[in-house]
């Protein structure tokens, strides 16, 4: 029985296995935290993109209104010029 190899006689192997399992637990917890943070960042990015999209739509509508105002103003001026003749 003296030549029997078991984990009880090799404390170094047990310590190494515990260290590896602790590293696995730590990295899995970090992985979960990073996934949650990544999801939060993605939601914030999508929210900002939506807000930016709305702002660009509003500015496009404002430009269109200004264009229409300029167009109708030019049309009114032309009508006045031609009606004066």
PDB file of N, CA and C in Angstrom:
ATOM      1  N   UNK A   1       0.802  -1.189   0.000  1.00  0.00           N
ATOM      2  CA  UNK A   1       0.000   0.000   0.000  1.00  0.00           C
ATOM      3  C   UNK A   1       0.849   1.260   0.000  1.00  0.00           C
ATOM      4  N   UNK A   2       2.136   1.110   0.212  1.00  0.00           N
ATOM      5  CA  UNK A   2       2.986   2.286   0.243  1.00  0.00           C
ATOM      6  C   UNK A   2       3.140   2.897  -1.145  1.00  0.00           C
ATOM      7  N   UNK A   3       3.038   2.093  -2.195  1.00  0.00           N
ATOM      8  CA  UNK A   3       3.171   2.591  -3.561  1.00  0.00           C
ATOM      9  C   UNK A   3       1.843   3.064  -4.150  1.00  0.00           C
ATOM     10  N   UNK A   4       0.785   3.073  -3.343  1.00  0.00           N
ATOM     11  CA  UNK A   4      -0.532   3.509  -3.824  1.00  0.00           C
ATOM     12  C   UNK A   4      -0.521   5.025  -4.060  1.00  0.00           C
ATOM     13  N   UNK A   5      -0.898   5.405  -5.283  1.00  0.00           N
ATOM     14  CA  UNK A   5      -0.919   6.823  -5.638  1.00  0.00           C
ATOM     15  C   UNK A   5      -2.347   7.333  -5.462  1.00  0.00           C
ATOM     16  N   UNK A   6      -2.510   8.314  -4.619  1.00  0.00           N
ATOM     17  CA  UNK A   6      -3.827   8.921  -4.423  1.00  0.00           C
ATOM     18  C   UNK A   6      -3.635  10.423  -4.237  1.00  0.00           C
ATOM     19  N   UNK A   7      -4.740  11.144  -4.338  1.00  0.00           N
ATOM     20  CA  UNK A   7      -4.669  12.599  -4.220  1.00  0.00           C
ATOM     21  C   UNK A   7      -4.385  13.048  -2.791  1.00  0.00           C
ATOM     22  N   UNK A   8      -4.638  12.184  -1.833  1.00  0.00           N
ATOM     23  CA  UNK A   8      -4.409  12.578  -0.450  1.00  0.00           C
ATOM     24  C   UNK A   8      -2.924  12.750  -0.155  1.00  0.00           C
ATOM     25  N   UNK A   9      -2.082  12.053  -0.863  1.00  0.00           N
ATOM     26  CA  UNK A   9      -0.648  12.182  -0.614  1.00  0.00           C
ATOM     27  C   UNK A   9      -0.030  13.327  -1.413  1.00  0.00           C
ATOM     28  N   UNK A  10      -0.715  13.808  -2.467  1.00  0.00           N
ATOM     29  CA  UNK A  10      -0.177  14.883  -3.293  1.00  0.00           C
ATOM     30  C   UNK A  10      -0.958  16.173  -3.038  1.00  0.00           C
ATOM     31  N   UNK A  11      -0.543  16.906  -2.040  1.00  0.00           N
ATOM     32  CA  UNK A  11      -1.222  18.158  -1.706  1.00  0.00           C
ATOM     33  C   UNK A  11      -1.042  19.203  -2.802  1.00  0.00           C
ATOM     34  N   UNK A  12       0.062  19.119  -3.497  1.00  0.00           N
ATOM     35  CA  UNK A  12       0.306  20.082  -4.573  1.00  0.00           C
ATOM     36  C   UNK A  12      -0.730  19.965  -5.681  1.00  0.00           C
ATOM     37  N   UNK A  13      -1.123  18.723  -5.998  1.00  0.00           N
ATOM     38  CA  UNK A  13      -2.122  18.504  -7.045  1.00  0.00           C
ATOM     39  C   UNK A  13      -3.475  19.034  -6.586  1.00  0.00           C
ATOM     40  N   UNK A  14      -3.825  18.799  -5.333  1.00  0.00           N
ATOM     41  CA  UNK A  14      -5.096  19.296  -4.809  1.00  0.00           C
ATOM     42  C   UNK A  14      -5.127  20.821  -4.810  1.00  0.00           C
ATOM     43  N   UNK A  15      -4.037  21.427  -4.398  1.00  0.00           N
ATOM     44  CA  UNK A  15      -3.979  22.890  -4.388  1.00  0.00           C
ATOM     45  C   UNK A  15      -4.078  23.428  -5.811  1.00  0.00           C
ATOM     46  N   UNK A  16      -3.404  22.776  -6.743  1.00  0.00           N
ATOM     47  CA  UNK A  16      -3.459  23.199  -8.143  1.00  0.00           C
ATOM     48  C   UNK A  16      -4.875  23.074  -8.698  1.00  0.00           C
ATOM     49  N   UNK A  17      -5.556  21.975  -8.407  1.00  0.00           N
ATOM     50  CA  UNK A  17      -6.930  21.790  -8.874  1.00  0.00           C
ATOM     51  C   UNK A  17      -7.877  22.819  -8.246  1.00  0.00           C
ATOM     52  N   UNK A  18      -7.701  23.111  -6.968  1.00  0.00           N
ATOM     53  CA  UNK A  18      -8.534  24.142  -6.324  1.00  0.00           C
ATOM     54  C   UNK A  18      -8.279  25.505  -6.951  1.00  0.00           C
ATOM     55  N   UNK A  19      -7.018  25.804  -7.232  1.00  0.00           N
ATOM     56  CA  UNK A  19      -6.673  27.078  -7.853  1.00  0.00           C
ATOM     57  C   UNK A  19      -7.304  27.197  -9.236  1.00  0.00           C
ATOM     58  N   UNK A  20      -7.250  26.115 -10.010  1.00  0.00           N
ATOM     59  CA  UNK A  20      -7.849  26.123 -11.351  1.00  0.00           C
ATOM     60  C   UNK A  20      -9.363  26.286 -11.263  1.00  0.00           C
ATOM     61  N   UNK A  21     -10.001  25.600 -10.323  1.00  0.00           N
ATOM     62  CA  UNK A  21     -11.458  25.725 -10.189  1.00  0.00           C
ATOM     63  C   UNK A  21     -11.846  27.126  -9.715  1.00  0.00           C
ATOM     64  N   UNK A  22     -11.060  27.713  -8.813  1.00  0.00           N
ATOM     65  CA  UNK A  22     -11.337  29.087  -8.385  1.00  0.00           C
ATOM     66  C   UNK A  22     -11.173  30.065  -9.544  1.00  0.00           C
ATOM     67  N   UNK A  23     -10.158  29.862 -10.361  1.00  0.00           N
ATOM     68  CA  UNK A  23      -9.993  30.711 -11.545  1.00  0.00           C
ATOM     69  C   UNK A  23     -11.195  30.576 -12.478  1.00  0.00           C
ATOM     70  N   UNK A  24     -11.688  29.356 -12.648  1.00  0.00           N
ATOM     71  CA  UNK A  24     -12.862  29.141 -13.488  1.00  0.00           C
ATOM     72  C   UNK A  24     -14.082  29.869 -12.953  1.00  0.00           C
ATOM     73  N   UNK A  25     -14.280  29.816 -11.647  1.00  0.00           N
ATOM     74  CA  UNK A  25     -15.419  30.507 -11.034  1.00  0.00           C
ATOM     75  C   UNK A  25     -15.277  32.019 -11.202  1.00  0.00           C
ATOM     76  N   UNK A  26     -14.081  32.536 -10.946  1.00  0.00           N
ATOM     77  CA  UNK A  26     -13.853  33.983 -11.073  1.00  0.00           C
ATOM     78  C   UNK A  26     -14.081  34.436 -12.506  1.00  0.00           C
ATOM     79  N   UNK A  27     -13.539  33.697 -13.467  1.00  0.00           N
ATOM     80  CA  UNK A  27     -13.704  34.098 -14.867  1.00  0.00           C
ATOM     81  C   UNK A  27     -15.154  33.974 -15.332  1.00  0.00           C
ATOM     82  N   UNK A  28     -15.885  32.996 -14.822  1.00  0.00           N
ATOM     83  CA  UNK A  28     -17.295  32.893 -15.213  1.00  0.00           C
ATOM     84  C   UNK A  28     -18.099  34.061 -14.644  1.00  0.00           C
ATOM     85  N   UNK A  29     -17.789  34.482 -13.418  1.00  0.00           N
ATOM     86  CA  UNK A  29     -18.465  35.650 -12.838  1.00  0.00           C
ATOM     87  C   UNK A  29     -18.120  36.898 -13.635  1.00  0.00           C
ATOM     88  N   UNK A  30     -16.845  37.061 -13.983  1.00  0.00           N
ATOM     89  CA  UNK A  30     -16.444  38.207 -14.803  1.00  0.00           C
ATOM     90  C   UNK A  30     -17.127  38.175 -16.164  1.00  0.00           C
ATOM     91  N   UNK A  31     -17.263  36.995 -16.743  1.00  0.00           N
ATOM     92  CA  UNK A  31     -17.920  36.846 -18.048  1.00  0.00           C
ATOM     93  C   UNK A  31     -19.374  37.318 -17.974  1.00  0.00           C
ATOM     94  N   UNK A  32     -20.068  36.919 -16.897  1.00  0.00           N
ATOM     95  CA  UNK A  32     -21.465  37.322 -16.722  1.00  0.00           C
ATOM     96  C   UNK A  32     -21.563  38.835 -16.533  1.00  0.00           C
ATOM     97  N   UNK A  33     -20.668  39.399 -15.713  1.00  0.00           N
ATOM     98  CA  UNK A  33     -20.686  40.858 -15.494  1.00  0.00           C
ATOM     99  C   UNK A  33     -20.399  41.611 -16.787  1.00  0.00           C
ATOM    100  N   UNK A  34     -19.452  41.116 -17.565  1.00  0.00           N
ATOM    101  CA  UNK A  34     -19.130  41.777 -18.830  1.00  0.00           C
ATOM    102  C   UNK A  34     -20.297  41.682 -19.803  1.00  0.00           C
ATOM    103  N   UNK A  35     -20.997  40.564 -19.806  1.00  0.00           N
ATOM    104  CA  UNK A  35     -22.150  40.413 -20.699  1.00  0.00           C
ATOM    105  C   UNK A  35     -23.254  41.391 -20.307  1.00  0.00           C
ATOM    106  N   UNK A  36     -23.483  41.556 -19.017  1.00  0.00           N
ATOM    107  CA  UNK A  36     -24.506  42.512 -18.568  1.00  0.00           C
ATOM    108  C   UNK A  36     -24.102  43.936 -18.917  1.00  0.00           C
ATOM    109  N   UNK A  37     -22.831  44.266 -18.708  1.00  0.00           N
ATOM    110  CA  UNK A  37     -22.356  45.612 -19.040  1.00  0.00           C
ATOM    111  C   UNK A  37     -22.436  45.850 -20.542  1.00  0.00           C
ATOM    112  N   UNK A  38     -22.112  44.821 -21.307  1.00  0.00           N
ATOM    113  CA  UNK A  38     -22.181  44.950 -22.759  1.00  0.00           C
ATOM    114  C   UNK A  38     -23.622  45.172 -23.205  1.00  0.00           C
ATOM    115  N   UNK A  39     -24.555  44.467 -22.584  1.00  0.00           N
ATOM    116  CA  UNK A  39     -25.967  44.643 -22.937  1.00  0.00           C
ATOM    117  C   UNK A  39     -26.433  46.048 -22.571  1.00  0.00           C
ATOM    118  N   UNK A  40     -26.000  46.547 -21.408  1.00  0.00           N
ATOM    119  CA  UNK A  40     -26.371  47.904 -21.004  1.00  0.00           C
ATOM    120  C   UNK A  40     -25.786  48.923 -21.971  1.00  0.00           C
ATOM    121  N   UNK A  41     -24.533  48.715 -22.375  1.00  0.00           N
ATOM    122  CA  UNK A  41     -23.918  49.629 -23.340  1.00  0.00           C
ATOM    123  C   UNK A  41     -24.643  49.575 -24.676  1.00  0.00           C
ATOM    124  N   UNK A  42     -25.062  48.384 -25.085  1.00  0.00           N
ATOM    125  CA  UNK A  42     -25.775  48.248 -26.353  1.00  0.00           C
ATOM    126  C   UNK A  42     -27.122  48.967 -26.286  1.00  0.00           C
ATOM    127  N   UNK A  43     -27.840  48.818 -25.159  1.00  0.00           N
ATOM    128  CA  UNK A  43     -29.123  49.506 -25.010  1.00  0.00           C
ATOM    129  C   UNK A  43     -28.934  51.018 -25.006  1.00  0.00           C
ATOM    130  N   UNK A  44     -27.871  51.493 -24.338  1.00  0.00           N
ATOM    131  CA  UNK A  44     -27.604  52.933 -24.321  1.00  0.00           C
ATOM    132  C   UNK A  44     -27.249  53.423 -25.720  1.00  0.00           C
ATOM    133  N   UNK A  45     -26.463  52.625 -26.447  1.00  0.00           N
ATOM    134  CA  UNK A  45     -26.097  52.994 -27.813  1.00  0.00           C
ATOM    135  C   UNK A  45     -27.338  53.071 -28.703  1.00  0.00           C
ATOM    136  N   UNK A  46     -28.226  52.076 -28.578  1.00  0.00           N
ATOM    137  CA  UNK A  46     -29.451  52.086 -29.379  1.00  0.00           C
ATOM    138  C   UNK A  46     -30.347  53.263 -29.002  1.00  0.00           C
ATOM    139  N   UNK A  47     -30.387  53.603 -27.693  1.00  0.00           N
ATOM    140  CA  UNK A  47     -31.194  54.740 -27.267  1.00  0.00           C
ATOM    141  C   UNK A  47     -30.635  56.032 -27.857  1.00  0.00           C
ATOM    142  N   UNK A  48     -29.309  56.187 -27.790  1.00  0.00           N
ATOM    143  CA  UNK A  48     -28.701  57.394 -28.355  1.00  0.00           C
ATOM    144  C   UNK A  48     -28.883  57.442 -29.865  1.00  0.00           C
ATOM    145  N   UNK A  49     -28.812  56.291 -30.506  1.00  0.00           N
ATOM    146  CA  UNK A  49     -29.014  56.236 -31.951  1.00  0.00           C
ATOM    147  C   UNK A  49     -30.445  56.641 -32.299  1.00  0.00           C
ATOM    148  N   UNK A  50     -31.400  56.183 -31.490  1.00  0.00           N
ATOM    149  CA  UNK A  50     -32.798  56.550 -31.714  1.00  0.00           C
ATOM    150  C   UNK A  50     -32.996  58.050 -31.524  1.00  0.00           C
ATOM    151  N   UNK A  51     -32.399  58.595 -30.462  1.00  0.00           N
ATOM    152  CA  UNK A  51     -32.515  60.036 -30.217  1.00  0.00           C
ATOM    153  C   UNK A  51     -31.864  60.806 -31.355  1.00  0.00           C
ATOM    154  N   UNK A  52     -30.684  60.345 -31.793  1.00  0.00           N
ATOM    155  CA  UNK A  52     -30.007  61.012 -32.905  1.00  0.00           C
ATOM    156  C   UNK A  52     -30.851  60.913 -34.169  1.00  0.00           C
ATOM    157  N   UNK A  53     -31.489  59.764 -34.375  1.00  0.00           N
ATOM    158  CA  UNK A  53     -32.354  59.601 -35.537  1.00  0.00           C
ATOM    159  C   UNK A  53     -33.530  60.555 -35.486  1.00  0.00           C
ATOM    160  N   UNK A  54     -34.116  60.723 -34.309  1.00  0.00           N
ATOM    161  CA  UNK A  54     -35.239  61.659 -34.166  1.00  0.00           C
ATOM    162  C   UNK A  54     -34.773  63.088 -34.386  1.00  0.00           C
ATOM    163  N   UNK A  55     -33.588  63.414 -33.851  1.00  0.00           N
ATOM    164  CA  UNK A  55     -33.069  64.768 -34.054  1.00  0.00           C
ATOM    165  C   UNK A  55     -32.808  65.036 -35.526  1.00  0.00           C
ATOM    166  N   UNK A  56     -32.273  64.037 -36.222  1.00  0.00           N
ATOM    167  CA  UNK A  56     -32.008  64.242 -37.645  1.00  0.00           C
ATOM    168  C   UNK A  56     -33.319  64.339 -38.426  1.00  0.00           C
ATOM    169  N   UNK A  57     -34.345  63.575 -38.003  1.00  0.00           N
ATOM    170  CA  UNK A  57     -35.651  63.700 -38.659  1.00  0.00           C
ATOM    171  C   UNK A  57     -36.242  65.082 -38.425  1.00  0.00           C
ATOM    172  N   UNK A  58     -36.120  65.578 -37.195  1.00  0.00           N
ATOM    173  CA  UNK A  58     -36.651  66.911 -36.884  1.00  0.00           C
ATOM    174  C   UNK A  58     -35.911  67.975 -37.679  1.00  0.00           C
ATOM    175  N   UNK A  59     -34.577  67.859 -37.737  1.00  0.00           N
ATOM    176  CA  UNK A  59     -33.827  68.857 -38.503  1.00  0.00           C
ATOM    177  C   UNK A  59     -34.159  68.749 -39.988  1.00  0.00           C
ATOM    178  N   UNK A  60     -34.402  67.528 -40.473  1.00  0.00           N
ATOM    179  CA  UNK A  60     -34.793  67.376 -41.881  1.00  0.00           C
ATOM    180  C   UNK A  60     -36.158  68.009 -42.123  1.00  0.00           C
ATOM    181  N   UNK A  61     -37.080  67.838 -41.185  1.00  0.00           N
ATOM    182  CA  UNK A  61     -38.396  68.476 -41.322  1.00  0.00           C
ATOM    183  C   UNK A  61     -38.271  69.995 -41.280  1.00  0.00           C
ATOM    184  N   UNK A  62     -37.411  70.492 -40.392  1.00  0.00           N
ATOM    185  CA  UNK A  62     -37.204  71.942 -40.331  1.00  0.00           C
ATOM    186  C   UNK A  62     -36.618  72.462 -41.637  1.00  0.00           C
ATOM    187  N   UNK A  63     -35.663  71.717 -42.191  1.00  0.00           N
ATOM    188  CA  UNK A  63     -35.086  72.135 -43.475  1.00  0.00           C
ATOM    189  C   UNK A  63     -36.154  72.118 -44.564  1.00  0.00           C
ATOM    190  N   UNK A  64     -37.018  71.105 -44.535  1.00  0.00           N
ATOM    191  CA  UNK A  64     -38.078  71.020 -45.543  1.00  0.00           C
ATOM    192  C   UNK A  64     -39.051  72.184 -45.391  1.00  0.00           C
ATOM    193  N   UNK A  65     -39.391  72.529 -44.147  1.00  0.00           N
ATOM    194  CA  UNK A  65     -40.290  73.666 -43.930  1.00  0.00           C
ATOM    195  C   UNK A  65     -39.642  74.955 -44.405  1.00  0.00           C
ATOM    196  N   UNK A  66     -38.356  75.118 -44.104  1.00  0.00           N
ATOM    197  CA  UNK A  66     -37.659  76.320 -44.565  1.00  0.00           C
ATOM    198  C   UNK A  66     -37.607  76.353 -46.087  1.00  0.00           C
ATOM    199  N   UNK A  67     -37.385  75.190 -46.689  1.00  0.00           N
ATOM    200  CA  UNK A  67     -37.350  75.126 -48.151  1.00  0.00           C
ATOM    201  C   UNK A  67     -38.707  75.498 -48.732  1.00  0.00           C
ATOM    202  N   UNK A  68     -39.772  74.958 -48.123  1.00  0.00           N
ATOM    203  CA  UNK A  68     -41.122  75.294 -48.600  1.00  0.00           C
ATOM    204  C   UNK A  68     -41.405  76.779 -48.446  1.00  0.00           C
ATOM    205  N   UNK A  69     -41.000  77.350 -47.307  1.00  0.00           N
ATOM    206  CA  UNK A  69     -41.211  78.787 -47.102  1.00  0.00           C
ATOM    207  C   UNK A  69     -40.475  79.598 -48.157  1.00  0.00           C
ATOM    208  N   UNK A  70     -39.220  79.209 -48.419  1.00  0.00           N
ATOM    209  CA  UNK A  70     -38.449  79.932 -49.432  1.00  0.00           C
ATOM    210  C   UNK A  70     -39.074  79.756 -50.812  1.00  0.00           C
ATOM    211  N   UNK A  71     -39.550  78.546 -51.096  1.00  0.00           N
ATOM    212  CA  UNK A  71     -40.159  78.277 -52.398  1.00  0.00           C
ATOM    213  C   UNK A  71     -41.421  79.118 -52.585  1.00  0.00           C
ATOM    214  N   UNK A  72     -42.298  79.127 -51.563  1.00  0.00           N
ATOM    215  CA  UNK A  72     -43.541  79.892 -51.683  1.00  0.00           C
ATOM    216  C   UNK A  72     -43.273  81.394 -51.688  1.00  0.00           C
ATOM    217  N   UNK A  73     -42.256  81.818 -50.936  1.00  0.00           N
ATOM    218  CA  UNK A  73     -41.901  83.235 -50.958  1.00  0.00           C
ATOM    219  C   UNK A  73     -41.425  83.633 -52.347  1.00  0.00           C
ATOM    220  N   UNK A  74     -40.592  82.804 -52.943  1.00  0.00           N
ATOM    221  CA  UNK A  74     -40.116  83.075 -54.304  1.00  0.00           C
ATOM    222  C   UNK A  74     -41.288  83.065 -55.280  1.00  0.00           C
ATOM    223  N   UNK A  75     -42.201  82.132 -55.100  1.00  0.00           N
ATOM    224  CA  UNK A  75     -43.371  82.052 -55.977  1.00  0.00           C
ATOM    225  C   UNK A  75     -44.228  83.310 -55.838  1.00  0.00           C
ATOM    226  N   UNK A  76     -44.423  83.780 -54.593  1.00  0.00           N
ATOM    227  CA  UNK A  76     -45.202  84.998 -54.369  1.00  0.00           C
ATOM    228  C   UNK A  76     -44.535  86.210 -55.011  1.00  0.00           C
ATOM    229  N   UNK A  77     -43.225  86.286 -54.876  1.00  0.00           N
ATOM    230  CA  UNK A  77     -42.495  87.412 -55.475  1.00  0.00           C
ATOM    231  C   UNK A  77     -42.632  87.375 -56.987  1.00  0.00           C
ATOM    232  N   UNK A  78     -42.507  86.198 -57.581  1.00  0.00           N
ATOM    233  CA  UNK A  78     -42.643  86.079 -59.037  1.00  0.00           C
ATOM    234  C   UNK A  78     -44.059  86.443 -59.482  1.00  0.00           C
ATOM    235  N   UNK A  79     -45.057  86.018 -58.719  1.00  0.00           N
ATOM    236  CA  UNK A  79     -46.438  86.362 -59.067  1.00  0.00           C
ATOM    237  C   UNK A  79     -46.633  87.872 -59.005  1.00  0.00           C
ATOM    238  N   UNK A  80     -46.073  88.494 -57.974  1.00  0.00           N
ATOM    239  CA  UNK A  80     -46.197  89.951 -57.861  1.00  0.00           C
ATOM    240  C   UNK A  80     -45.488  90.653 -59.017  1.00  0.00           C
ATOM    241  N   UNK A  81     -44.326  90.149 -59.394  1.00  0.00           N
ATOM    242  CA  UNK A  81     -43.578  90.770 -60.500  1.00  0.00           C
ATOM    243  C   UNK A  81     -44.368  90.649 -61.794  1.00  0.00           C
ATOM    244  N   UNK A  82     -44.883  89.452 -62.077  1.00  0.00           N
ATOM    245  CA  UNK A  82     -45.598  89.252 -63.342  1.00  0.00           C
ATOM    246  C   UNK A  82     -46.975  89.916 -63.331  1.00  0.00           C
ATOM    247  N   UNK A  83     -47.591  90.023 -62.159  1.00  0.00           N
ATOM    248  CA  UNK A  83     -48.896  90.686 -62.119  1.00  0.00           C
ATOM    249  C   UNK A  83     -48.747  92.207 -62.218  1.00  0.00           C
ATOM    250  N   UNK A  84     -47.589  92.715 -61.848  1.00  0.00           N
ATOM    251  CA  UNK A  84     -47.358  94.163 -61.953  1.00  0.00           C
ATOM    252  C   UNK A  84     -47.185  94.581 -63.404  1.00  0.00           C
ATOM    253  N   UNK A  85     -46.760  93.675 -64.243  1.00  0.00           N
ATOM    254  CA  UNK A  85     -46.553  94.012 -65.658  1.00  0.00           C
ATOM    255  C   UNK A  85     -47.870  94.046 -66.309  1.00  0.00           C
TER     256      UNK A  85
END
